[in-house]
Amino acid sequence: MAGGEPGRAQGRPAHADVVYAEVDGRALALDLFMPEGVSNPPLLVWVHGGAWNVGSKDGVPLAFVQNGIATASLDFRQASDARFPAQVHDVKAAIRFLRAHAGEYGYRADRIAIAGDSSGGHLATLTGTTNGHAALEGTVGNHPDESSDVQAIIDYYGASNLTTILDQSTPFGLGVREPALQRLLGGLPDAVPDLARLASPVFHVDAGDPPLLRFHGDQDPQMPINQAHELEGVYRAHGLDVAFHVLHGSVHGGPEFYAGEPLALALEFLRRTLGN
């Protein structure tokens, strides 16, 4: 999704290009948007989409910061730069950095949410359901003693089970998904089953996971809506806090996900799980 869509970032962040880690001589940066007139707000970490291979931190929706929630938008290594789990290692490193520097920037470190769209939704959910998982925490960044735990997850039309996604996909979806998975995993899921399971949030959900809000369009030709049903089902099986909102007639993304009823639901969810 492009940065020019309604609700997407058009203004300047309060802190731009903040380096949260360096990997192999490359700086990984984030932009931090702070709400006006709000003291010590909760924090939302935004993970952009783009088939794990394109996109940038510039495409963050600003609806959250406009409603009193500090928002950090991340860049991270793309699949063309490094295979999975490098992307999750980077996201977790960013959360540890943000928690370590909360006093400096002025948001709450105790209540952090994570959200993302498309492949970013997948990474957000995987990050949120794997706190303390040794293979996914990684060693990126300078704050290993900080927690990468989050208190809420919002997933916009992301993948949840890479072992079933191809069987659920339309022919159009396969044309998008197969090369994306090849880049991310180094092979299709059947060829790298252990890695595909490691990259699938549905296999990591347990009774200690944070509340989840999921959005998906019922006309999405790219990401099977069954991915959302699978994740919701596993959450419910564990007795966890989960809500799934279907946008009827919507495809893979669009401004309607960040306005009207979906925005109201997202803001209510964040206020309930993070506090005002």
Protein backbone atom coordinates (compact mmCIF):
# COMPACT_ATOMS: atom_id res chain seq x y z
CA MET A 1 0.00 0.00 0.00
CA ALA A 2 1.33 3.40 -0.92
CA GLY A 3 2.12 6.25 1.43
CA GLY A 4 -0.31 8.53 -0.40
CA GLU A 5 -3.47 6.68 0.62
CA PRO A 6 -5.88 8.34 3.01
CA GLY A 7 -4.79 7.82 6.60
CA ARG A 8 -1.20 7.17 5.61
CA ALA A 9 1.81 9.17 6.74
CA GLN A 10 1.99 12.61 5.15
CA GLY A 11 3.45 14.60 8.07
CA ARG A 12 6.84 14.61 9.70
CA PRO A 13 7.72 12.20 12.48
CA ALA A 14 8.82 13.66 15.78
CA HIS A 15 11.99 11.57 15.46
CA ALA A 16 13.02 10.41 11.99
CA ASP A 17 15.49 7.73 10.95
CA VAL A 18 16.29 6.65 14.48
CA VAL A 19 18.82 3.80 14.23
CA TYR A 20 17.65 0.94 16.44
CA ALA A 21 20.27 -1.62 15.42
CA GLU A 22 23.09 -2.33 13.00
CA VAL A 23 23.45 -5.65 11.18
CA ASP A 24 26.42 -6.50 8.98
CA GLY A 25 27.34 -2.83 8.73
CA ARG A 26 23.81 -1.76 7.80
CA ALA A 27 21.79 0.62 9.94
CA LEU A 28 18.18 -0.35 10.68
CA ALA A 29 15.99 2.66 11.39
CA LEU A 30 12.55 3.66 12.57
CA ASP A 31 10.38 6.78 12.51
CA LEU A 32 8.58 7.79 15.69
CA PHE A 33 5.34 9.79 15.55
CA MET A 34 4.15 11.36 18.82
CA PRO A 35 0.56 12.53 19.43
CA GLU A 36 0.05 16.20 20.19
CA GLY A 37 -1.07 17.13 23.67
CA VAL A 38 -0.77 13.63 25.13
CA SER A 39 1.61 12.94 27.99
CA ASN A 40 3.25 9.52 28.18
CA PRO A 41 1.04 7.81 25.55
CA PRO A 42 0.97 4.08 24.83
CA LEU A 43 3.04 2.92 21.86
CA LEU A 44 2.07 1.10 18.65
CA VAL A 45 4.84 -0.52 16.60
CA TRP A 46 3.96 -0.62 12.88
CA VAL A 47 5.39 -3.29 10.52
CA HIS A 48 4.90 -2.52 6.84
CA GLY A 49 3.79 -5.01 4.21
CA GLY A 50 5.16 -5.79 0.75
CA ALA A 51 5.49 -9.56 0.29
CA TRP A 52 8.41 -9.50 2.77
CA ASN A 53 10.47 -7.87 0.02
CA VAL A 54 9.33 -4.31 -0.76
CA GLY A 55 7.81 -1.35 1.08
CA SER A 56 9.22 0.92 3.76
CA LYS A 57 8.50 2.65 7.04
CA ASP A 58 7.08 5.60 5.05
CA GLY A 59 3.76 3.76 4.55
CA VAL A 60 2.53 3.96 8.14
CA PRO A 61 -1.11 4.87 8.86
CA LEU A 62 -1.28 8.03 10.95
CA ALA A 63 -4.81 7.43 12.23
CA PHE A 64 -3.38 5.98 15.44
CA VAL A 65 -1.11 8.89 16.33
CA GLN A 66 -3.92 11.27 15.41
CA ASN A 67 -5.95 9.52 18.13
CA GLY A 68 -3.42 9.74 20.93
CA ILE A 69 -1.21 6.67 20.35
CA ALA A 70 2.52 7.07 19.72
CA THR A 71 3.49 5.15 16.59
CA ALA A 72 6.89 3.75 15.61
CA SER A 73 7.24 2.62 12.00
CA LEU A 74 10.07 0.21 11.23
CA ASP A 75 12.37 -0.61 8.41
CA PHE A 76 13.88 -4.09 8.60
CA ARG A 77 15.80 -6.48 6.39
CA GLN A 78 13.83 -7.59 3.36
CA ALA A 79 13.78 -11.19 2.19
CA SER A 80 16.08 -10.24 -0.68
CA ASP A 81 18.61 -9.08 1.93
CA ALA A 82 18.29 -11.96 4.39
CA ARG A 83 16.05 -14.99 4.71
CA PHE A 84 13.66 -15.66 7.54
CA PRO A 85 13.91 -15.36 10.53
CA ALA A 86 15.99 -12.19 10.00
CA GLN A 87 12.83 -10.06 9.65
CA VAL A 88 11.46 -11.13 13.05
CA HIS A 89 14.88 -10.71 14.65
CA ASP A 90 14.86 -7.09 13.47
CA VAL A 91 11.33 -6.37 14.64
CA LYS A 92 12.07 -7.79 18.08
CA ALA A 93 15.28 -5.76 18.25
CA ALA A 94 13.26 -2.62 17.50
CA ILE A 95 10.83 -3.39 20.32
CA ARG A 96 13.71 -3.91 22.76
CA PHE A 97 15.24 -0.60 21.63
CA LEU A 98 11.94 1.24 21.99
CA ARG A 99 11.41 -0.18 25.45
CA ALA A 100 14.94 0.82 26.50
CA HIS A 101 14.50 4.40 25.23
CA ALA A 102 10.94 5.05 26.39
CA GLY A 103 12.04 7.58 28.99
CA GLU A 104 14.02 9.51 26.39
CA TYR A 105 11.18 9.75 23.88
CA GLY A 106 8.23 10.02 26.25
CA TYR A 107 5.89 7.05 25.66
CA ARG A 108 4.98 4.17 27.96
CA ALA A 109 7.24 1.14 27.90
CA ASP A 110 4.87 -1.12 29.83
CA ARG A 111 2.04 -1.14 27.28
CA ILE A 112 3.18 -1.72 23.67
CA ALA A 113 1.06 -2.94 20.77
CA ILE A 114 2.23 -4.24 17.41
CA ALA A 115 0.37 -4.01 14.10
CA GLY A 116 1.04 -4.51 10.42
CA ASP A 117 -0.54 -5.06 7.04
CA SER A 118 -0.16 -8.01 4.65
CA SER A 119 3.30 -9.54 5.18
CA GLY A 120 3.73 -6.98 7.95
CA GLY A 121 0.61 -8.35 9.61
CA HIS A 122 2.17 -11.81 9.49
CA LEU A 123 5.40 -10.51 11.06
CA ALA A 124 3.49 -8.55 13.69
CA THR A 125 1.47 -11.60 14.75
CA LEU A 126 4.51 -13.87 14.71
CA THR A 127 6.40 -11.36 16.87
CA GLY A 128 3.49 -11.04 19.26
CA THR A 129 3.01 -14.78 19.76
CA THR A 130 6.69 -15.72 20.26
CA ASN A 131 8.05 -13.70 23.15
CA GLY A 132 11.13 -15.46 24.50
CA HIS A 133 11.35 -17.97 21.62
CA ALA A 134 15.12 -18.43 21.27
CA ALA A 135 15.15 -19.07 17.52
CA LEU A 136 13.04 -15.97 16.85
CA GLU A 137 14.42 -13.52 19.42
CA GLY A 138 17.80 -13.40 17.72
CA THR A 139 20.76 -11.32 18.87
CA VAL A 140 20.20 -8.12 16.87
CA GLY A 141 20.62 -4.81 18.67
CA ASN A 142 22.22 -3.59 21.89
CA HIS A 143 19.45 -4.28 24.39
CA PRO A 144 19.34 -8.05 24.97
CA ASP A 145 18.10 -7.59 28.54
CA GLU A 146 14.93 -5.78 27.43
CA SER A 147 11.75 -7.71 26.65
CA SER A 148 10.31 -7.95 23.14
CA ASP A 149 6.91 -8.74 24.64
CA VAL A 150 3.84 -6.83 23.40
CA GLN A 151 0.46 -6.38 25.02
CA ALA A 152 -1.76 -6.36 21.91
CA ILE A 153 -1.66 -7.34 18.22
CA ILE A 154 -3.57 -5.93 15.23
CA ASP A 155 -3.20 -7.97 12.06
CA TYR A 156 -4.44 -6.53 8.76
CA TYR A 157 -4.89 -9.36 6.22
CA GLY A 158 -1.65 -11.19 7.04
CA ALA A 159 -0.67 -14.85 6.67
CA SER A 160 -0.92 -17.12 9.70
CA ASN A 161 -0.05 -20.62 8.43
CA LEU A 162 2.57 -20.96 5.71
CA THR A 163 2.03 -24.72 5.58
CA THR A 164 -1.55 -24.33 4.28
CA ILE A 165 -1.51 -20.99 2.46
CA LEU A 166 -0.71 -22.33 -1.01
CA ASP A 167 -3.49 -24.92 -0.91
CA GLN A 168 -5.93 -22.13 0.04
CA SER A 169 -4.77 -19.67 -2.64
CA THR A 170 -6.43 -18.67 -5.89
CA PRO A 171 -4.36 -18.96 -9.10
CA PHE A 172 -3.72 -15.21 -8.84
CA GLY A 173 -2.70 -15.63 -5.21
CA LEU A 174 -0.28 -18.40 -6.10
CA GLY A 175 1.39 -16.12 -8.61
CA VAL A 176 2.09 -13.66 -5.82
CA ARG A 177 2.68 -16.04 -2.94
CA GLU A 178 5.00 -18.67 -4.39
CA PRO A 179 7.85 -16.32 -5.36
CA ALA A 180 7.39 -14.41 -2.09
CA LEU A 181 7.73 -17.61 -0.06
CA GLN A 182 10.72 -18.72 -2.13
CA ARG A 183 12.50 -15.50 -1.22
CA LEU A 184 11.48 -15.57 2.43
CA LEU A 185 12.15 -19.23 3.22
CA GLY A 186 14.61 -20.22 0.50
CA GLY A 187 12.08 -22.71 -0.86
CA LEU A 188 8.37 -23.48 -0.92
CA PRO A 189 6.90 -24.66 2.40
CA ASP A 190 6.81 -28.33 1.40
CA ALA A 191 10.55 -28.20 0.74
CA VAL A 192 11.37 -26.51 4.07
CA PRO A 193 8.59 -27.73 6.39
CA ASP A 194 10.36 -27.00 9.69
CA LEU A 195 11.11 -23.42 8.65
CA ALA A 196 7.56 -22.95 7.36
CA ARG A 197 6.20 -24.06 10.75
CA LEU A 198 8.62 -21.77 12.58
CA ALA A 199 7.33 -18.89 10.44
CA SER A 200 3.64 -19.70 11.10
CA PRO A 201 1.95 -17.94 14.03
CA VAL A 202 -0.71 -20.66 14.40
CA PHE A 203 1.94 -23.08 15.69
CA HIS A 204 3.16 -20.67 18.38
CA VAL A 205 -0.09 -19.57 20.00
CA ASP A 206 -0.35 -20.49 23.67
CA ALA A 207 -2.34 -19.43 26.71
CA GLY A 208 -0.05 -16.52 27.51
CA ASP A 209 -0.39 -14.65 24.22
CA PRO A 210 -1.71 -11.07 23.98
CA PRO A 211 -5.14 -10.00 22.69
CA LEU A 212 -5.53 -10.07 18.91
CA LEU A 213 -7.69 -8.04 16.52
CA ARG A 214 -7.77 -9.26 12.93
CA PHE A 215 -9.11 -7.52 9.78
CA HIS A 216 -9.59 -9.16 6.38
CA GLY A 217 -11.51 -8.41 3.20
CA ASP A 218 -13.81 -11.17 2.00
CA GLN A 219 -12.88 -10.48 -1.64
CA ASP A 220 -9.12 -10.60 -1.08
CA PRO A 221 -7.64 -12.34 -4.16
CA GLN A 222 -4.12 -12.46 -2.74
CA MET A 223 -4.31 -13.53 0.90
CA PRO A 224 -6.79 -16.35 1.59
CA ILE A 225 -9.33 -15.36 4.23
CA ASN A 226 -8.96 -18.90 5.61
CA GLN A 227 -5.64 -17.71 7.04
CA ALA A 228 -7.63 -15.39 9.30
CA HIS A 229 -10.07 -18.15 10.25
CA GLU A 230 -7.19 -20.47 11.18
CA LEU A 231 -5.61 -17.91 13.48
CA GLU A 232 -8.92 -16.98 15.08
CA GLY A 233 -9.69 -20.65 15.67
CA VAL A 234 -6.39 -21.34 17.40
CA TYR A 235 -6.82 -18.27 19.59
CA ARG A 236 -10.33 -19.36 20.58
CA ALA A 237 -9.13 -22.90 21.27
CA HIS A 238 -6.73 -21.44 23.84
CA GLY A 239 -9.41 -19.25 25.40
CA LEU A 240 -7.62 -16.08 24.34
CA ASP A 241 -8.95 -12.58 23.66
CA VAL A 242 -9.57 -12.40 19.89
CA ALA A 243 -11.81 -10.48 17.50
CA PHE A 244 -12.09 -10.94 13.74
CA HIS A 245 -13.69 -8.22 11.59
CA VAL A 246 -14.53 -9.01 7.96
CA LEU A 247 -14.74 -6.10 5.51
CA HIS A 248 -17.37 -7.23 3.01
CA GLY A 249 -16.49 -6.40 -0.57
CA SER A 250 -12.92 -5.36 0.28
CA VAL A 251 -9.83 -6.78 -1.38
CA HIS A 252 -6.18 -6.81 -0.24
CA GLY A 253 -5.89 -3.47 1.53
CA GLY A 254 -7.36 -0.06 0.88
CA PRO A 255 -8.16 3.10 2.85
CA GLU A 256 -11.37 1.59 4.22
CA PHE A 257 -9.30 -0.52 6.62
CA TYR A 258 -8.11 2.63 8.43
CA ALA A 259 -11.31 4.66 8.58
CA GLY A 260 -14.90 4.38 9.76
CA GLU A 261 -15.92 1.28 11.69
CA PRO A 262 -12.59 -0.59 11.32
CA LEU A 263 -10.69 2.39 12.73
CA ALA A 264 -13.17 2.76 15.58
CA LEU A 265 -12.79 -0.93 16.41
CA ALA A 266 -9.00 -0.70 16.31
CA LEU A 267 -8.92 2.35 18.57
CA GLU A 268 -11.33 0.79 21.06
CA PHE A 269 -9.23 -2.38 21.09
CA LEU A 270 -6.03 -0.42 21.74
CA ARG A 271 -7.57 1.68 24.46
CA ARG A 272 -8.94 -1.42 26.16
CA THR A 273 -5.69 -3.40 25.96
CA LEU A 274 -3.17 -0.58 26.43
CA GLY A 275 -5.11 1.92 28.53
CA ASN A 276 -5.69 5.60 27.78
